[in-house]
Every structure is written in C-alpha cells, then in structure tokens.
Amino acid sequence: MQDHTIFSYDDVFFLPPGASGGHIRAIREGDWTYAVYFGLDGSGLEYELYNIKTDLGQMTNLLHGKPTRDTKQEWARLHKILTDQLVVVDGARS
C-alpha cells in the first residue's frame, strides 16, 4: 500500500520559465499536503503546507507568516520525502 502521492506539474505553454506557479512539486501524505512552486531558473520559490484534517479546503497555508516549531518539523520531513522520491524517479529515467 502506498503511503503518499507525489504530484509534478510543469506549465510549458503559458507561463514564462521564471514564473513560480509554472512548476510545482507536491506530496500528499496522511493529513498533509505540501507543495513547492518554482521557476526553472531557480527563482520564485514558494512553499505551501496544509493540514487537510483541520483544513480540508486548504485555505490556510501553515508556512505563511511565522510557522510554529512543529510546522517547521513537518515541513522538513515532507520536503525530505518529496526530494528523495524525485531523485529516485529522476534516477530511474536516466
């Protein structure tokens, strides 16, 4: 059984390469949704983290403003899982 889902999106038709919303990498695991938005040139990094148990509509980005210590720990944990999985997938394509 899979314990998480990875999502990847690259808008190559409408947004300029540096647009942060044009490239998304995300993970959904348990009660959490975490997403990274970026431009291919490395600019425009934006992060979102939602607890879908308490915020099903994903309206409150827990990384906005001053995240709590627990939120930062969850962010780091999910970021590592996402990054590790993307490295595995990229290696499999090589």
PDB file of N, CA and C in Angstrom:
ATOM      1  N   MET A   1       0.824  -1.184   0.000  1.00  0.00           N
ATOM      2  CA  MET A   1       0.000   0.000   0.000  1.00  0.00           C
ATOM      3  C   MET A   1       0.873   1.255   0.000  1.00  0.00           C
ATOM      4  N   GLN A   2       0.517   2.203  -0.804  1.00  0.00           N
ATOM      5  CA  GLN A   2       1.274   3.449  -0.922  1.00  0.00           C
ATOM      6  C   GLN A   2       0.861   4.404   0.194  1.00  0.00           C
ATOM      7  N   ASP A   3       1.851   5.030   0.876  1.00  0.00           N
ATOM      8  CA  ASP A   3       1.523   5.927   1.974  1.00  0.00           C
ATOM      9  C   ASP A   3       1.562   7.401   1.591  1.00  0.00           C
ATOM     10  N   HIS A   4       1.941   7.676   0.347  1.00  0.00           N
ATOM     11  CA  HIS A   4       1.935   9.068  -0.112  1.00  0.00           C
ATOM     12  C   HIS A   4       1.762   9.112  -1.637  1.00  0.00           C
ATOM     13  N   THR A   5       1.399  10.295  -2.100  1.00  0.00           N
ATOM     14  CA  THR A   5       1.255  10.525  -3.536  1.00  0.00           C
ATOM     15  C   THR A   5       2.095  11.736  -3.908  1.00  0.00           C
ATOM     16  N   ILE A   6       2.858  11.610  -4.985  1.00  0.00           N
ATOM     17  CA  ILE A   6       3.692  12.707  -5.486  1.00  0.00           C
ATOM     18  C   ILE A   6       3.003  13.311  -6.704  1.00  0.00           C
ATOM     19  N   PHE A   7       3.033  14.634  -6.777  1.00  0.00           N
ATOM     20  CA  PHE A   7       2.433  15.364  -7.888  1.00  0.00           C
ATOM     21  C   PHE A   7       3.492  16.278  -8.493  1.00  0.00           C
ATOM     22  N   SER A   8       3.564  16.297  -9.798  1.00  0.00           N
ATOM     23  CA  SER A   8       4.510  17.154 -10.511  1.00  0.00           C
ATOM     24  C   SER A   8       3.796  17.808 -11.679  1.00  0.00           C
ATOM     25  N   TYR A   9       4.004  19.108 -11.850  1.00  0.00           N
ATOM     26  CA  TYR A   9       3.363  19.837 -12.941  1.00  0.00           C
ATOM     27  C   TYR A   9       4.331  20.866 -13.490  1.00  0.00           C
ATOM     28  N   ASP A  10       4.446  20.928 -14.803  1.00  0.00           N
ATOM     29  CA  ASP A  10       5.274  21.920 -15.482  1.00  0.00           C
ATOM     30  C   ASP A  10       4.471  22.557 -16.599  1.00  0.00           C
ATOM     31  N   ASP A  11       4.164  23.839 -16.450  1.00  0.00           N
ATOM     32  CA  ASP A  11       3.446  24.570 -17.489  1.00  0.00           C
ATOM     33  C   ASP A  11       4.476  25.069 -18.500  1.00  0.00           C
ATOM     34  N   VAL A  12       4.523  24.432 -19.639  1.00  0.00           N
ATOM     35  CA  VAL A  12       5.497  24.813 -20.665  1.00  0.00           C
ATOM     36  C   VAL A  12       4.848  25.606 -21.803  1.00  0.00           C
ATOM     37  N   PHE A  13       3.564  25.896 -21.665  1.00  0.00           N
ATOM     38  CA  PHE A  13       2.856  26.564 -22.749  1.00  0.00           C
ATOM     39  C   PHE A  13       2.483  28.005 -22.467  1.00  0.00           C
ATOM     40  N   PHE A  14       2.094  28.344 -21.237  1.00  0.00           N
ATOM     41  CA  PHE A  14       1.518  29.657 -20.993  1.00  0.00           C
ATOM     42  C   PHE A  14       2.350  30.589 -20.122  1.00  0.00           C
ATOM     43  N   LEU A  15       3.077  30.064 -19.176  1.00  0.00           N
ATOM     44  CA  LEU A  15       3.832  30.914 -18.260  1.00  0.00           C
ATOM     45  C   LEU A  15       5.299  30.985 -18.674  1.00  0.00           C
ATOM     46  N   PRO A  16       5.947  32.120 -18.425  1.00  0.00           N
ATOM     47  CA  PRO A  16       7.381  32.214 -18.718  1.00  0.00           C
ATOM     48  C   PRO A  16       8.175  31.276 -17.801  1.00  0.00           C
ATOM     49  N   PRO A  17       9.368  30.835 -18.237  1.00  0.00           N
ATOM     50  CA  PRO A  17      10.147  29.858 -17.461  1.00  0.00           C
ATOM     51  C   PRO A  17      10.420  30.280 -16.015  1.00  0.00           C
ATOM     52  N   GLY A  18      10.529  31.576 -15.741  1.00  0.00           N
ATOM     53  CA  GLY A  18      10.827  32.036 -14.387  1.00  0.00           C
ATOM     54  C   GLY A  18       9.622  32.149 -13.485  1.00  0.00           C
ATOM     55  N   ALA A  19       8.426  31.909 -13.994  1.00  0.00           N
ATOM     56  CA  ALA A  19       7.206  32.053 -13.191  1.00  0.00           C
ATOM     57  C   ALA A  19       7.134  30.941 -12.151  1.00  0.00           C
ATOM     58  N   SER A  20       6.930  31.328 -10.895  1.00  0.00           N
ATOM     59  CA  SER A  20       6.932  30.329  -9.825  1.00  0.00           C
ATOM     60  C   SER A  20       5.766  29.359  -9.936  1.00  0.00           C
ATOM     61  N   GLY A  21       4.616  29.808 -10.386  1.00  0.00           N
ATOM     62  CA  GLY A  21       3.463  28.924 -10.479  1.00  0.00           C
ATOM     63  C   GLY A  21       3.520  27.951 -11.628  1.00  0.00           C
ATOM     64  N   GLY A  22       4.503  28.088 -12.491  1.00  0.00           N
ATOM     65  CA  GLY A  22       4.592  27.231 -13.658  1.00  0.00           C
ATOM     66  C   GLY A  22       5.174  25.861 -13.397  1.00  0.00           C
ATOM     67  N   HIS A  23       5.783  25.683 -12.247  1.00  0.00           N
ATOM     68  CA  HIS A  23       6.440  24.418 -11.916  1.00  0.00           C
ATOM     69  C   HIS A  23       6.119  24.069 -10.471  1.00  0.00           C
ATOM     70  N   ILE A  24       5.520  22.919 -10.294  1.00  0.00           N
ATOM     71  CA  ILE A  24       5.065  22.509  -8.969  1.00  0.00           C
ATOM     72  C   ILE A  24       5.528  21.082  -8.701  1.00  0.00           C
ATOM     73  N   ARG A  25       6.000  20.869  -7.478  1.00  0.00           N
ATOM     74  CA  ARG A  25       6.274  19.530  -6.977  1.00  0.00           C
ATOM     75  C   ARG A  25       5.540  19.441  -5.650  1.00  0.00           C
ATOM     76  N   ALA A  26       4.761  18.386  -5.456  1.00  0.00           N
ATOM     77  CA  ALA A  26       3.942  18.299  -4.250  1.00  0.00           C
ATOM     78  C   ALA A  26       3.835  16.864  -3.766  1.00  0.00           C
ATOM     79  N   ILE A  27       3.486  16.742  -2.496  1.00  0.00           N
ATOM     80  CA  ILE A  27       3.265  15.440  -1.880  1.00  0.00           C
ATOM     81  C   ILE A  27       2.029  15.535  -0.993  1.00  0.00           C
ATOM     82  N   ARG A  28       1.274  14.454  -1.000  1.00  0.00           N
ATOM     83  CA  ARG A  28       0.152  14.321  -0.073  1.00  0.00           C
ATOM     84  C   ARG A  28       0.392  13.045   0.706  1.00  0.00           C
ATOM     85  N   GLU A  29       0.435  13.197   2.025  1.00  0.00           N
ATOM     86  CA  GLU A  29       0.694  12.058   2.900  1.00  0.00           C
ATOM     87  C   GLU A  29      -0.143  12.209   4.164  1.00  0.00           C
ATOM     88  N   GLY A  30      -0.951  11.220   4.455  1.00  0.00           N
ATOM     89  CA  GLY A  30      -1.775  11.267   5.657  1.00  0.00           C
ATOM     90  C   GLY A  30      -2.647  12.514   5.676  1.00  0.00           C
ATOM     91  N   ASP A  31      -2.474  13.310   6.698  1.00  0.00           N
ATOM     92  CA  ASP A  31      -3.262  14.536   6.864  1.00  0.00           C
ATOM     93  C   ASP A  31      -2.608  15.753   6.222  1.00  0.00           C
ATOM     94  N   TRP A  32      -1.545  15.561   5.444  1.00  0.00           N
ATOM     95  CA  TRP A  32      -0.750  16.692   4.976  1.00  0.00           C
ATOM     96  C   TRP A  32      -0.697  16.805   3.453  1.00  0.00           C
ATOM     97  N   THR A  33      -0.701  18.045   2.993  1.00  0.00           N
ATOM     98  CA  THR A  33      -0.385  18.371   1.604  1.00  0.00           C
ATOM     99  C   THR A  33       0.720  19.415   1.641  1.00  0.00           C
ATOM    100  N   TYR A  34       1.823  19.149   0.932  1.00  0.00           N
ATOM    101  CA  TYR A  34       2.969  20.060   0.878  1.00  0.00           C
ATOM    102  C   TYR A  34       3.314  20.292  -0.581  1.00  0.00           C
ATOM    103  N   ALA A  35       3.536  21.554  -0.946  1.00  0.00           N
ATOM    104  CA  ALA A  35       3.863  21.885  -2.337  1.00  0.00           C
ATOM    105  C   ALA A  35       4.986  22.910  -2.403  1.00  0.00           C
ATOM    106  N   VAL A  36       5.811  22.756  -3.438  1.00  0.00           N
ATOM    107  CA  VAL A  36       6.879  23.706  -3.752  1.00  0.00           C
ATOM    108  C   VAL A  36       6.596  24.245  -5.147  1.00  0.00           C
ATOM    109  N   TYR A  37       6.579  25.560  -5.288  1.00  0.00           N
ATOM    110  CA  TYR A  37       6.396  26.230  -6.579  1.00  0.00           C
ATOM    111  C   TYR A  37       7.710  26.917  -6.913  1.00  0.00           C
ATOM    112  N   PHE A  38       8.109  26.859  -8.197  1.00  0.00           N
ATOM    113  CA  PHE A  38       9.400  27.447  -8.555  1.00  0.00           C
ATOM    114  C   PHE A  38       9.466  27.755 -10.039  1.00  0.00           C
ATOM    115  N   GLY A  39      10.441  28.586 -10.397  1.00  0.00           N
ATOM    116  CA  GLY A  39      10.774  28.839 -11.788  1.00  0.00           C
ATOM    117  C   GLY A  39      11.960  27.976 -12.171  1.00  0.00           C
ATOM    118  N   LEU A  40      12.070  27.613 -13.427  1.00  0.00           N
ATOM    119  CA  LEU A  40      13.180  26.756 -13.865  1.00  0.00           C
ATOM    120  C   LEU A  40      14.542  27.395 -13.664  1.00  0.00           C
ATOM    121  N   ASP A  41      14.570  28.723 -13.584  1.00  0.00           N
ATOM    122  CA  ASP A  41      15.837  29.402 -13.349  1.00  0.00           C
ATOM    123  C   ASP A  41      16.188  29.473 -11.861  1.00  0.00           C
ATOM    124  N   GLY A  42      15.388  28.803 -11.017  1.00  0.00           N
ATOM    125  CA  GLY A  42      15.657  28.781  -9.584  1.00  0.00           C
ATOM    126  C   GLY A  42      15.021  29.925  -8.822  1.00  0.00           C
ATOM    127  N   SER A  43      14.330  30.799  -9.502  1.00  0.00           N
ATOM    128  CA  SER A  43      13.711  31.937  -8.834  1.00  0.00           C
ATOM    129  C   SER A  43      12.290  31.607  -8.400  1.00  0.00           C
ATOM    130  N   GLY A  44      11.730  32.486  -7.607  1.00  0.00           N
ATOM    131  CA  GLY A  44      10.322  32.409  -7.259  1.00  0.00           C
ATOM    132  C   GLY A  44       9.919  31.240  -6.401  1.00  0.00           C
ATOM    133  N   LEU A  45      10.805  30.775  -5.526  1.00  0.00           N
ATOM    134  CA  LEU A  45      10.439  29.651  -4.655  1.00  0.00           C
ATOM    135  C   LEU A  45       9.310  30.055  -3.712  1.00  0.00           C
ATOM    136  N   GLU A  46       8.284  29.226  -3.682  1.00  0.00           N
ATOM    137  CA  GLU A  46       7.171  29.410  -2.760  1.00  0.00           C
ATOM    138  C   GLU A  46       6.798  28.046  -2.198  1.00  0.00           C
ATOM    139  N   TYR A  47       6.388  28.032  -0.936  1.00  0.00           N
ATOM    140  CA  TYR A  47       6.056  26.783  -0.261  1.00  0.00           C
ATOM    141  C   TYR A  47       4.657  26.861   0.339  1.00  0.00           C
ATOM    142  N   GLU A  48       3.951  25.737   0.313  1.00  0.00           N
ATOM    143  CA  GLU A  48       2.642  25.650   0.948  1.00  0.00           C
ATOM    144  C   GLU A  48       2.563  24.352   1.736  1.00  0.00           C
ATOM    145  N   LEU A  49       1.957  24.437   2.905  1.00  0.00           N
ATOM    146  CA  LEU A  49       1.744  23.260   3.747  1.00  0.00           C
ATOM    147  C   LEU A  49       0.356  23.373   4.364  1.00  0.00           C
ATOM    148  N   TYR A  50      -0.426  22.315   4.190  1.00  0.00           N
ATOM    149  CA  TYR A  50      -1.794  22.298   4.711  1.00  0.00           C
ATOM    150  C   TYR A  50      -2.035  21.026   5.508  1.00  0.00           C
ATOM    151  N   ASN A  51      -2.757  21.159   6.614  1.00  0.00           N
ATOM    152  CA  ASN A  51      -3.234  20.014   7.360  1.00  0.00           C
ATOM    153  C   ASN A  51      -4.669  19.789   6.910  1.00  0.00           C
ATOM    154  N   ILE A  52      -4.879  18.796   6.064  1.00  0.00           N
ATOM    155  CA  ILE A  52      -6.202  18.608   5.476  1.00  0.00           C
ATOM    156  C   ILE A  52      -7.192  17.971   6.453  1.00  0.00           C
ATOM    157  N   LYS A  53      -6.711  17.537   7.599  1.00  0.00           N
ATOM    158  CA  LYS A  53      -7.629  17.044   8.632  1.00  0.00           C
ATOM    159  C   LYS A  53      -8.402  18.213   9.242  1.00  0.00           C
ATOM    160  N   THR A  54      -7.720  19.328   9.441  1.00  0.00           N
ATOM    161  CA  THR A  54      -8.350  20.500  10.050  1.00  0.00           C
ATOM    162  C   THR A  54      -8.696  21.585   9.035  1.00  0.00           C
ATOM    163  N   ASP A  55      -8.196  21.454   7.812  1.00  0.00           N
ATOM    164  CA  ASP A  55      -8.391  22.483   6.772  1.00  0.00           C
ATOM    165  C   ASP A  55      -8.588  21.782   5.428  1.00  0.00           C
ATOM    166  N   LEU A  56      -9.718  21.099   5.285  1.00  0.00           N
ATOM    167  CA  LEU A  56      -9.983  20.288   4.097  1.00  0.00           C
ATOM    168  C   LEU A  56      -9.900  21.091   2.804  1.00  0.00           C
ATOM    169  N   GLY A  57     -10.331  22.355   2.838  1.00  0.00           N
ATOM    170  CA  GLY A  57     -10.297  23.198   1.643  1.00  0.00           C
ATOM    171  C   GLY A  57      -8.942  23.807   1.358  1.00  0.00           C
ATOM    172  N   GLN A  58      -7.952  23.509   2.192  1.00  0.00           N
ATOM    173  CA  GLN A  58      -6.593  24.030   2.031  1.00  0.00           C
ATOM    174  C   GLN A  58      -6.602  25.550   1.858  1.00  0.00           C
ATOM    175  N   MET A  59      -7.185  26.225   2.829  1.00  0.00           N
ATOM    176  CA  MET A  59      -7.307  27.684   2.795  1.00  0.00           C
ATOM    177  C   MET A  59      -6.244  28.394   3.634  1.00  0.00           C
ATOM    178  N   THR A  60      -5.637  27.671   4.590  1.00  0.00           N
ATOM    179  CA  THR A  60      -4.669  28.288   5.497  1.00  0.00           C
ATOM    180  C   THR A  60      -3.300  27.656   5.297  1.00  0.00           C
ATOM    181  N   ASN A  61      -2.414  28.371   4.598  1.00  0.00           N
ATOM    182  CA  ASN A  61      -1.050  27.905   4.383  1.00  0.00           C
ATOM    183  C   ASN A  61      -0.287  28.040   5.699  1.00  0.00           C
ATOM    184  N   LEU A  62       0.078  26.923   6.295  1.00  0.00           N
ATOM    185  CA  LEU A  62       0.759  26.932   7.584  1.00  0.00           C
ATOM    186  C   LEU A  62       2.179  27.489   7.511  1.00  0.00           C
ATOM    187  N   LEU A  63       2.708  27.674   6.313  1.00  0.00           N
ATOM    188  CA  LEU A  63       4.054  28.223   6.159  1.00  0.00           C
ATOM    189  C   LEU A  63       4.037  29.733   5.955  1.00  0.00           C
ATOM    190  N   HIS A  64       2.866  30.312   5.887  1.00  0.00           N
ATOM    191  CA  HIS A  64       2.741  31.764   5.730  1.00  0.00           C
ATOM    192  C   HIS A  64       2.986  32.436   7.085  1.00  0.00           C
ATOM    193  N   GLY A  65       3.717  33.536   7.063  1.00  0.00           N
ATOM    194  CA  GLY A  65       3.990  34.256   8.302  1.00  0.00           C
ATOM    195  C   GLY A  65       5.090  33.592   9.090  1.00  0.00           C
ATOM    196  N   LYS A  66       4.815  33.290  10.349  1.00  0.00           N
ATOM    197  CA  LYS A  66       5.807  32.676  11.230  1.00  0.00           C
ATOM    198  C   LYS A  66       5.331  31.279  11.635  1.00  0.00           C
ATOM    199  N   PRO A  67       5.796  30.258  10.912  1.00  0.00           N
ATOM    200  CA  PRO A  67       5.371  28.889  11.226  1.00  0.00           C
ATOM    201  C   PRO A  67       5.842  28.471  12.621  1.00  0.00           C
ATOM    202  N   THR A  68       5.059  27.624  13.273  1.00  0.00           N
ATOM    203  CA  THR A  68       5.435  27.099  14.579  1.00  0.00           C
ATOM    204  C   THR A  68       6.590  26.104  14.422  1.00  0.00           C
ATOM    205  N   ARG A  69       7.176  25.751  15.530  1.00  0.00           N
ATOM    206  CA  ARG A  69       8.272  24.775  15.517  1.00  0.00           C
ATOM    207  C   ARG A  69       7.781  23.437  14.957  1.00  0.00           C
ATOM    208  N   ASP A  70       6.589  22.984  15.390  1.00  0.00           N
ATOM    209  CA  ASP A  70       6.039  21.723  14.904  1.00  0.00           C
ATOM    210  C   ASP A  70       5.778  21.774  13.395  1.00  0.00           C
ATOM    211  N   THR A  71       5.305  22.919  12.928  1.00  0.00           N
ATOM    212  CA  THR A  71       5.059  23.087  11.489  1.00  0.00           C
ATOM    213  C   THR A  71       6.370  23.014  10.715  1.00  0.00           C
ATOM    214  N   LYS A  72       7.401  23.637  11.234  1.00  0.00           N
ATOM    215  CA  LYS A  72       8.712  23.592  10.577  1.00  0.00           C
ATOM    216  C   LYS A  72       9.256  22.165  10.518  1.00  0.00           C
ATOM    217  N   GLN A  73       9.026  21.398  11.568  1.00  0.00           N
ATOM    218  CA  GLN A  73       9.477  19.999  11.575  1.00  0.00           C
ATOM    219  C   GLN A  73       8.721  19.179  10.538  1.00  0.00           C
ATOM    220  N   GLU A  74       7.413  19.397  10.435  1.00  0.00           N
ATOM    221  CA  GLU A  74       6.613  18.676   9.437  1.00  0.00           C
ATOM    222  C   GLU A  74       7.041  19.080   8.031  1.00  0.00           C
ATOM    223  N   TRP A  75       7.302  20.356   7.829  1.00  0.00           N
ATOM    224  CA  TRP A  75       7.785  20.889   6.554  1.00  0.00           C
ATOM    225  C   TRP A  75       9.078  20.175   6.162  1.00  0.00           C
ATOM    226  N   ALA A  76      10.024  20.121   7.084  1.00  0.00           N
ATOM    227  CA  ALA A  76      11.316  19.487   6.791  1.00  0.00           C
ATOM    228  C   ALA A  76      11.141  18.006   6.462  1.00  0.00           C
ATOM    229  N   ARG A  77      10.285  17.321   7.211  1.00  0.00           N
ATOM    230  CA  ARG A  77      10.053  15.898   6.983  1.00  0.00           C
ATOM    231  C   ARG A  77       9.452  15.642   5.605  1.00  0.00           C
ATOM    232  N   LEU A  78       8.413  16.403   5.263  1.00  0.00           N
ATOM    233  CA  LEU A  78       7.768  16.220   3.962  1.00  0.00           C
ATOM    234  C   LEU A  78       8.666  16.660   2.812  1.00  0.00           C
ATOM    235  N   HIS A  79       9.442  17.712   3.024  1.00  0.00           N
ATOM    236  CA  HIS A  79      10.361  18.175   1.980  1.00  0.00           C
ATOM    237  C   HIS A  79      11.400  17.086   1.672  1.00  0.00           C
ATOM    238  N   LYS A  80      11.894  16.425   2.714  1.00  0.00           N
ATOM    239  CA  LYS A  80      12.875  15.353   2.506  1.00  0.00           C
ATOM    240  C   LYS A  80      12.252  14.185   1.738  1.00  0.00           C
ATOM    241  N   ILE A  81      11.051  13.771   2.123  1.00  0.00           N
ATOM    242  CA  ILE A  81      10.388  12.670   1.414  1.00  0.00           C
ATOM    243  C   ILE A  81      10.186  13.037  -0.048  1.00  0.00           C
ATOM    244  N   LEU A  82       9.680  14.241  -0.292  1.00  0.00           N
ATOM    245  CA  LEU A  82       9.432  14.694  -1.663  1.00  0.00           C
ATOM    246  C   LEU A  82      10.719  14.717  -2.467  1.00  0.00           C
ATOM    247  N   THR A  83      11.749  15.308  -1.916  1.00  0.00           N
ATOM    248  CA  THR A  83      13.038  15.409  -2.615  1.00  0.00           C
ATOM    249  C   THR A  83      13.624  14.023  -2.888  1.00  0.00           C
ATOM    250  N   ASP A  84      13.606  13.170  -1.878  1.00  0.00           N
ATOM    251  CA  ASP A  84      14.144  11.817  -2.051  1.00  0.00           C
ATOM    252  C   ASP A  84      13.402  11.064  -3.147  1.00  0.00           C
ATOM    253  N   GLN A  85      12.082  11.162  -3.165  1.00  0.00           N
ATOM    254  CA  GLN A  85      11.283  10.466  -4.185  1.00  0.00           C
ATOM    255  C   GLN A  85      11.554  11.010  -5.582  1.00  0.00           C
ATOM    256  N   LEU A  86      11.726  12.315  -5.697  1.00  0.00           N
ATOM    257  CA  LEU A  86      12.007  12.901  -7.014  1.00  0.00           C
ATOM    258  C   LEU A  86      13.385  12.493  -7.512  1.00  0.00           C
ATOM    259  N   VAL A  87      14.340  12.343  -6.618  1.00  0.00           N
ATOM    260  CA  VAL A  87      15.675  11.870  -7.001  1.00  0.00           C
ATOM    261  C   VAL A  87      15.587  10.434  -7.505  1.00  0.00           C
ATOM    262  N   VAL A  88      14.809   9.604  -6.827  1.00  0.00           N
ATOM    263  CA  VAL A  88      14.634   8.202  -7.256  1.00  0.00           C
ATOM    264  C   VAL A  88      14.013   8.153  -8.643  1.00  0.00           C
ATOM    265  N   VAL A  89      12.959   8.928  -8.862  1.00  0.00           N
ATOM    266  CA  VAL A  89      12.280   8.935 -10.157  1.00  0.00           C
ATOM    267  C   VAL A  89      13.208   9.444 -11.242  1.00  0.00           C
ATOM    268  N   ASP A  90      13.944  10.517 -10.962  1.00  0.00           N
ATOM    269  CA  ASP A  90      14.868  11.065 -11.952  1.00  0.00           C
ATOM    270  C   ASP A  90      15.966  10.064 -12.278  1.00  0.00           C
ATOM    271  N   GLY A  91      16.467   9.355 -11.263  1.00  0.00           N
ATOM    272  CA  GLY A  91      17.488   8.338 -11.491  1.00  0.00           C
ATOM    273  C   GLY A  91      16.980   7.176 -12.324  1.00  0.00           C
ATOM    274  N   ALA A  92      15.723   6.845 -12.155  1.00  0.00           N
ATOM    275  CA  ALA A  92      15.137   5.749 -12.916  1.00  0.00           C
ATOM    276  C   ALA A  92      14.977   6.108 -14.390  1.00  0.00           C
ATOM    277  N   ARG A  93      14.860   7.405 -14.680  1.00  0.00           N
ATOM    278  CA  ARG A  93      14.710   7.846 -16.076  1.00  0.00           C
ATOM    279  C   ARG A  93      16.053   7.897 -16.795  1.00  0.00           C
ATOM    280  N   SER A  94      17.128   7.959 -16.037  1.00  0.00           N
ATOM    281  CA  SER A  94      18.468   8.093 -16.646  1.00  0.00           C
ATOM    282  C   SER A  94      18.946   6.816 -17.277  1.00  0.00           C
TER     283      SER A  94
END
